[in-house]
Amino acid sequence: MNTTKVTDKLERKKIKRTARKKAAPKAKRASGVARGSLKKRIRRQVQGQRKR
């Protein structure tokens, strides 16, 4: 869905919408996968230690 060559904004939106409708539906996120604010945070990073 590369629309960089299309200069008209409305035409580009139309192309993107049709491509989105044709695309296969995305799979649901697995139940164990945290996203955004639910992710575990690191308390305080000690100097010289790896984050995760």
C-alpha atoms as a PDB file:
ATOM      1  CA  MET A   1       0.000   0.000   0.000  1.00  0.00           C
ATOM      2  CA  ASN A   2       2.670   2.500  -1.043  1.00  0.00           C
ATOM      3  CA  THR A   3       0.853   5.753  -1.888  1.00  0.00           C
ATOM      4  CA  THR A   4       3.792   8.152  -1.882  1.00  0.00           C
ATOM      5  CA  LYS A   5       3.508   8.719  -5.635  1.00  0.00           C
ATOM      6  CA  VAL A   6      -0.156   9.841  -5.394  1.00  0.00           C
ATOM      7  CA  THR A   7      -0.274  13.606  -4.874  1.00  0.00           C
ATOM      8  CA  ASP A   8      -4.019  14.111  -4.390  1.00  0.00           C
ATOM      9  CA  LYS A   9      -4.947  13.675  -0.712  1.00  0.00           C
ATOM     10  CA  LEU A  10      -8.503  12.428  -1.271  1.00  0.00           C
ATOM     11  CA  GLU A  11      -7.409   9.935  -3.896  1.00  0.00           C
ATOM     12  CA  ARG A  12      -4.695   8.635  -1.574  1.00  0.00           C
ATOM     13  CA  LYS A  13      -7.229   8.166   1.239  1.00  0.00           C
ATOM     14  CA  LYS A  14      -9.542   6.283  -1.122  1.00  0.00           C
ATOM     15  CA  ILE A  15      -6.729   3.931  -2.193  1.00  0.00           C
ATOM     16  CA  LYS A  16      -5.735   3.285   1.414  1.00  0.00           C
ATOM     17  CA  ARG A  17      -9.308   2.544   2.493  1.00  0.00           C
ATOM     18  CA  THR A  18      -9.832   0.018  -0.294  1.00  0.00           C
ATOM     19  CA  ALA A  19      -6.500  -1.644   0.520  1.00  0.00           C
ATOM     20  CA  ARG A  20      -7.489  -1.862   4.179  1.00  0.00           C
ATOM     21  CA  LYS A  21     -10.788  -3.522   3.276  1.00  0.00           C
ATOM     22  CA  LYS A  22      -9.055  -6.069   1.002  1.00  0.00           C
ATOM     23  CA  ALA A  23      -6.386  -6.971   3.582  1.00  0.00           C
ATOM     24  CA  ALA A  24      -6.797 -10.083   5.691  1.00  0.00           C
ATOM     25  CA  PRO A  25      -8.023  -9.389   9.246  1.00  0.00           C
ATOM     26  CA  LYS A  26      -5.271  -9.141  11.840  1.00  0.00           C
ATOM     27  CA  ALA A  27      -5.014 -11.847  14.484  1.00  0.00           C
ATOM     28  CA  LYS A  28      -5.994 -10.995  18.034  1.00  0.00           C
ATOM     29  CA  ARG A  29      -3.156 -10.259  20.435  1.00  0.00           C
ATOM     30  CA  ALA A  30      -2.201 -13.217  22.635  1.00  0.00           C
ATOM     31  CA  SER A  31      -3.662 -13.143  26.137  1.00  0.00           C
ATOM     32  CA  GLY A  32      -0.275 -13.087  27.897  1.00  0.00           C
ATOM     33  CA  VAL A  33       1.119 -10.116  25.961  1.00  0.00           C
ATOM     34  CA  ALA A  34       0.997  -6.821  27.846  1.00  0.00           C
ATOM     35  CA  ARG A  35       0.717  -3.611  25.884  1.00  0.00           C
ATOM     36  CA  GLY A  36       1.455   0.011  26.683  1.00  0.00           C
ATOM     37  CA  SER A  37       0.901   1.003  30.302  1.00  0.00           C
ATOM     38  CA  LEU A  38       0.391  -2.627  31.369  1.00  0.00           C
ATOM     39  CA  LYS A  39       4.020  -3.535  30.608  1.00  0.00           C
ATOM     40  CA  LYS A  40       6.361  -4.194  33.514  1.00  0.00           C
ATOM     41  CA  ARG A  41       8.555  -1.237  34.422  1.00  0.00           C
ATOM     42  CA  ILE A  42      12.107  -1.383  35.691  1.00  0.00           C
ATOM     43  CA  ARG A  43      12.420   0.187  39.154  1.00  0.00           C
ATOM     44  CA  ARG A  44      15.744   1.999  38.919  1.00  0.00           C
ATOM     45  CA  GLN A  45      18.469   1.072  36.501  1.00  0.00           C
ATOM     46  CA  VAL A  46      21.821   0.454  38.157  1.00  0.00           C
ATOM     47  CA  GLN A  47      24.778   1.782  36.226  1.00  0.00           C
ATOM     48  CA  GLY A  48      26.406  -0.923  34.121  1.00  0.00           C
ATOM     49  CA  GLN A  49      23.381  -3.256  34.230  1.00  0.00           C
ATOM     50  CA  ARG A  50      21.263  -4.355  31.294  1.00  0.00           C
ATOM     51  CA  LYS A  51      17.647  -3.173  31.206  1.00  0.00           C
ATOM     52  CA  ARG A  52      15.992  -6.508  30.443  1.00  0.00           C
END
